[in-house]
């Protein structure tokens, strides 16, 4: 197993028979209240499992104030601890965030394996299960993998010349099989895998669909003892 390194007048009152909304103080208070409400409505990002908080190496009391180096697509031979980041455009952003987070930890190497405009649905475009098997069969060093994928998955999935509509029962079955195939490959190599769930969207419909996909992923990862990070 890989080892982890780690009522008055003025502005305030109405008065003089004027309506409250005619007073500048009224609108200042309204603006402050709306700003406060927006802050309160912001989602709190938490992990569903306490052990996930300890999964990634700690950055210590603070992150160094310096620019992060470019992210390699393959770890150098001298790398001590390698975290491969897989996924689509979300995975690319996640890799960037991890690179910035661990800029003061030179012993940790972030490798960006994520590819934009890919997913688990259109595997004729890019076959992620196959790519993972190929990666693990190579001589590249991988101590841990973090995955974030699924931003473009709301489309029909094809299997055995059949076409299934998004989020139908058969769609979820096939999609879940592909998730589990990836997780199983890492488990067999005894490499820890963390899968970051899809985020909340401004669109309620999109958020609802993302939530369903997250549940499929969460259920299949649990069967392979892989970690799911819920960022809702």
Protein backbone atom coordinates (compact mmCIF):
# COMPACT_ATOMS: atom_id res chain seq x y z
CA UNK A 1 0.00 0.00 0.00
CA UNK A 2 1.29 3.46 -0.82
CA UNK A 3 2.35 5.50 2.21
CA UNK A 4 0.85 8.97 2.43
CA UNK A 5 3.18 11.86 3.54
CA UNK A 6 1.20 14.13 5.64
CA UNK A 7 -35.39 55.33 14.57
CA UNK A 8 -33.39 58.20 14.66
CA UNK A 9 -33.08 60.84 12.03
CA UNK A 10 -30.41 61.26 9.43
CA UNK A 11 -29.59 58.04 7.57
CA UNK A 12 -31.49 55.81 9.93
CA UNK A 13 -35.09 56.91 10.29
CA UNK A 14 -37.98 58.05 8.17
CA UNK A 15 -39.54 61.04 9.93
CA UNK A 16 -41.20 64.08 8.48
CA UNK A 17 -44.03 62.00 7.01
CA UNK A 18 -41.76 60.49 4.35
CA UNK A 19 -42.03 56.86 3.38
CA UNK A 20 -39.14 54.63 4.58
CA UNK A 21 -38.19 53.85 0.98
CA UNK A 22 -37.71 57.56 0.30
CA UNK A 23 -34.87 57.60 2.80
CA UNK A 24 -31.30 56.79 1.72
CA UNK A 25 -30.74 54.89 4.96
CA UNK A 26 -33.53 52.49 4.03
CA UNK A 27 -31.77 51.46 0.83
CA UNK A 28 -28.41 51.14 2.56
CA UNK A 29 -29.91 48.75 5.09
CA UNK A 30 -31.70 46.84 2.30
CA UNK A 31 -28.44 46.40 0.40
CA UNK A 32 -26.59 45.23 3.51
CA UNK A 33 -29.37 42.75 4.30
CA UNK A 34 -29.34 41.31 0.76
CA UNK A 35 -25.56 40.95 0.86
CA UNK A 36 -25.84 39.14 4.21
CA UNK A 37 -28.53 36.83 2.84
CA UNK A 38 -26.39 35.96 -0.20
CA UNK A 39 -23.51 35.04 2.08
CA UNK A 40 -25.78 32.90 4.25
CA UNK A 41 -27.14 31.06 1.19
CA UNK A 42 -23.73 30.06 -0.09
CA UNK A 43 -23.36 26.25 0.06
CA UNK A 44 -21.07 24.78 2.67
CA UNK A 45 -18.62 22.37 1.12
CA UNK A 46 -18.14 19.38 3.38
CA UNK A 47 -16.85 15.86 3.06
CA UNK A 48 -19.32 13.08 3.64
CA UNK A 49 -16.74 10.91 5.39
CA UNK A 50 -14.37 12.20 8.11
CA UNK A 51 -11.53 10.05 6.80
CA UNK A 52 -11.58 11.95 3.48
CA UNK A 53 -10.29 15.01 5.34
CA UNK A 54 -7.14 13.10 6.14
CA UNK A 55 -6.77 11.50 2.72
CA UNK A 56 -4.76 14.19 0.98
CA UNK A 57 -1.44 15.29 2.49
CA UNK A 58 -1.65 18.27 4.84
CA UNK A 59 -0.39 21.65 3.71
CA UNK A 60 0.51 22.71 7.24
CA UNK A 61 -0.53 26.04 8.79
CA UNK A 62 -0.51 27.96 5.51
CA UNK A 63 0.28 27.87 1.82
CA UNK A 64 3.43 29.64 0.68
CA UNK A 65 2.82 32.88 -1.21
CA UNK A 66 4.57 31.96 -4.44
CA UNK A 67 3.63 30.98 -7.95
CA UNK A 68 2.97 27.32 -8.64
CA UNK A 69 5.17 25.69 -11.31
CA UNK A 70 3.60 24.25 -14.48
CA UNK A 71 1.79 20.96 -13.99
CA UNK A 72 3.50 18.03 -15.72
CA UNK A 73 1.62 15.32 -17.59
CA UNK A 74 4.10 12.73 -16.33
CA UNK A 75 5.95 12.55 -13.03
CA UNK A 76 9.75 12.92 -13.09
CA UNK A 77 11.76 9.88 -12.06
CA UNK A 78 12.88 11.53 -8.81
CA UNK A 79 9.33 12.34 -7.64
CA UNK A 80 8.71 11.21 -4.06
CA UNK A 81 4.90 11.15 -3.91
CA UNK A 82 2.83 11.38 -7.08
CA UNK A 83 -0.86 12.34 -7.28
CA UNK A 84 -2.38 11.76 -10.71
CA UNK A 85 -5.45 13.92 -11.38
CA UNK A 86 -7.92 12.40 -13.85
CA UNK A 87 -11.10 13.78 -15.38
CA UNK A 88 -12.46 16.36 -17.79
CA UNK A 89 -12.26 20.18 -17.65
CA UNK A 90 -13.28 19.99 -13.98
CA UNK A 91 -10.37 17.65 -13.40
CA UNK A 92 -8.04 20.12 -15.09
CA UNK A 93 -9.19 22.86 -12.72
CA UNK A 94 -8.84 20.50 -9.77
CA UNK A 95 -5.26 19.72 -10.78
CA UNK A 96 -4.52 23.44 -10.89
CA UNK A 97 -6.01 23.92 -7.44
CA UNK A 98 -4.00 21.05 -5.96
CA UNK A 99 -0.84 22.37 -7.59
CA UNK A 100 -1.39 25.76 -5.97
CA UNK A 101 -2.28 24.17 -2.64
CA UNK A 102 0.88 22.06 -2.47
CA UNK A 103 3.27 24.62 -3.91
CA UNK A 104 5.14 24.59 -0.58
CA UNK A 105 5.40 20.78 -0.54
CA UNK A 106 8.12 19.90 -3.09
CA UNK A 107 7.94 16.23 -2.16
CA UNK A 108 4.42 16.07 -3.65
CA UNK A 109 4.10 16.02 -7.43
CA UNK A 110 0.75 16.77 -9.05
CA UNK A 111 0.37 15.21 -12.50
CA UNK A 112 -2.44 16.38 -14.78
CA UNK A 113 -3.93 13.44 -16.65
CA UNK A 114 -7.32 15.16 -17.07
CA UNK A 115 -8.53 15.89 -20.58
CA UNK A 116 -11.17 18.45 -21.51
CA UNK A 117 -14.29 17.41 -23.43
CA UNK A 118 -14.08 13.80 -22.25
CA UNK A 119 -16.27 11.71 -19.99
CA UNK A 120 -17.55 8.25 -19.20
CA UNK A 121 -20.50 8.44 -21.60
CA UNK A 122 -18.84 9.00 -24.97
CA UNK A 123 -16.08 6.41 -24.62
CA UNK A 124 -15.70 6.35 -28.40
CA UNK A 125 -14.16 9.82 -28.00
CA UNK A 126 -11.92 8.88 -25.08
CA UNK A 127 -12.15 5.58 -23.23
CA UNK A 128 -11.33 6.39 -19.61
CA UNK A 129 -11.46 2.82 -18.25
CA UNK A 130 -9.00 1.75 -20.94
CA UNK A 131 -6.80 4.81 -20.30
CA UNK A 132 -6.65 3.94 -16.60
CA UNK A 133 -5.72 0.32 -17.31
CA UNK A 134 -3.00 1.50 -19.70
CA UNK A 135 -1.67 3.97 -17.12
CA UNK A 136 -1.49 1.36 -14.39
CA UNK A 137 0.17 -1.13 -16.74
CA UNK A 138 2.91 1.37 -17.58
CA UNK A 139 5.98 2.07 -15.49
CA UNK A 140 4.77 5.52 -14.43
CA UNK A 141 4.85 6.13 -10.71
CA UNK A 142 1.42 6.74 -9.14
CA UNK A 143 0.96 6.89 -5.37
CA UNK A 144 -2.59 8.25 -5.41
CA UNK A 145 -5.28 9.28 -7.88
CA UNK A 146 -7.87 12.04 -7.63
CA UNK A 147 -10.69 12.14 -10.19
CA UNK A 148 -13.31 14.75 -11.11
CA UNK A 149 -15.38 14.13 -14.21
CA UNK A 150 -18.92 14.39 -15.53
CA UNK A 151 -19.61 17.98 -16.60
CA UNK A 152 -20.85 16.86 -20.04
CA UNK A 153 -22.40 13.52 -19.14
CA UNK A 154 -26.06 14.48 -19.59
CA UNK A 155 -26.33 12.78 -22.98
CA UNK A 156 -27.42 9.36 -24.26
CA UNK A 157 -25.05 6.48 -23.62
CA UNK A 158 -24.41 3.70 -26.12
CA UNK A 159 -23.68 0.08 -25.37
CA UNK A 160 -23.84 -2.94 -27.68
CA UNK A 161 -25.32 -0.80 -30.48
CA UNK A 162 -28.14 0.32 -28.18
CA UNK A 163 -28.82 3.90 -27.11
CA UNK A 164 -30.11 4.81 -23.63
CA UNK A 165 -31.46 8.17 -22.54
CA UNK A 166 -29.64 10.16 -19.83
CA UNK A 167 -30.31 9.04 -16.27
CA UNK A 168 -32.57 6.17 -17.32
CA UNK A 169 -32.11 2.98 -15.30
CA UNK A 170 -30.02 1.34 -18.02
CA UNK A 171 -27.98 4.54 -18.46
CA UNK A 172 -27.16 4.54 -14.74
CA UNK A 173 -26.24 0.86 -14.85
CA UNK A 174 -23.78 1.30 -17.72
CA UNK A 175 -22.34 4.51 -16.30
CA UNK A 176 -21.93 2.91 -12.90
CA UNK A 177 -20.15 -0.07 -14.45
CA UNK A 178 -17.58 2.27 -15.99
CA UNK A 179 -17.04 4.09 -12.70
CA UNK A 180 -16.58 0.79 -10.89
CA UNK A 181 -14.18 -0.51 -13.53
CA UNK A 182 -11.90 2.47 -12.92
CA UNK A 183 -12.13 2.14 -9.14
CA UNK A 184 -11.46 -1.60 -9.31
CA UNK A 185 -8.33 -1.05 -11.41
CA UNK A 186 -6.85 1.24 -8.76
CA UNK A 187 -7.90 -1.06 -5.95
CA UNK A 188 -6.18 -4.03 -7.56
CA UNK A 189 -2.97 -1.99 -7.74
CA UNK A 190 -3.48 -0.90 -4.10
CA UNK A 191 -3.45 2.76 -5.12
CA UNK A 192 -5.81 5.06 -3.15
CA UNK A 193 -8.51 6.73 -5.26
CA UNK A 194 -10.54 9.81 -4.34
CA UNK A 195 -13.42 10.77 -6.61
CA UNK A 196 -14.65 14.35 -6.28
CA UNK A 197 -18.38 14.69 -6.94
CA UNK A 198 -19.97 17.10 -9.39
CA UNK A 199 -20.65 20.62 -8.07
CA UNK A 200 -23.83 22.58 -7.49
CA UNK A 201 -24.95 24.53 -10.56
CA UNK A 202 -26.89 27.78 -10.94
CA UNK A 203 -29.42 25.74 -12.91
CA UNK A 204 -31.73 23.75 -10.64
CA UNK A 205 -32.29 21.17 -13.36
CA UNK A 206 -28.56 20.70 -13.91
CA UNK A 207 -27.94 20.47 -10.16
CA UNK A 208 -30.65 17.83 -9.89
CA UNK A 209 -29.07 15.77 -12.66
CA UNK A 210 -25.61 16.18 -11.15
CA UNK A 211 -27.00 14.96 -7.84
CA UNK A 212 -28.31 11.79 -9.48
CA UNK A 213 -24.98 11.15 -11.17
CA UNK A 214 -23.19 11.71 -7.87
CA UNK A 215 -25.34 9.07 -6.21
CA UNK A 216 -24.51 6.53 -8.93
CA UNK A 217 -20.80 7.27 -8.52
CA UNK A 218 -20.94 7.17 -4.71
CA UNK A 219 -22.68 3.79 -4.69
CA UNK A 220 -20.26 2.16 -7.13
CA UNK A 221 -17.14 3.55 -5.44
CA UNK A 222 -18.28 2.14 -2.11
CA UNK A 223 -18.18 -1.34 -3.63
CA UNK A 224 -14.47 -0.88 -4.38
CA UNK A 225 -13.53 0.91 -1.13
CA UNK A 226 -12.73 4.12 -2.99
CA UNK A 227 -13.35 7.54 -1.46
CA UNK A 228 -16.10 9.91 -2.63
CA UNK A 229 -15.73 13.62 -1.84
CA UNK A 230 -19.08 15.38 -1.65
CA UNK A 231 -18.55 19.12 -2.30
CA UNK A 232 -22.20 20.06 -1.80
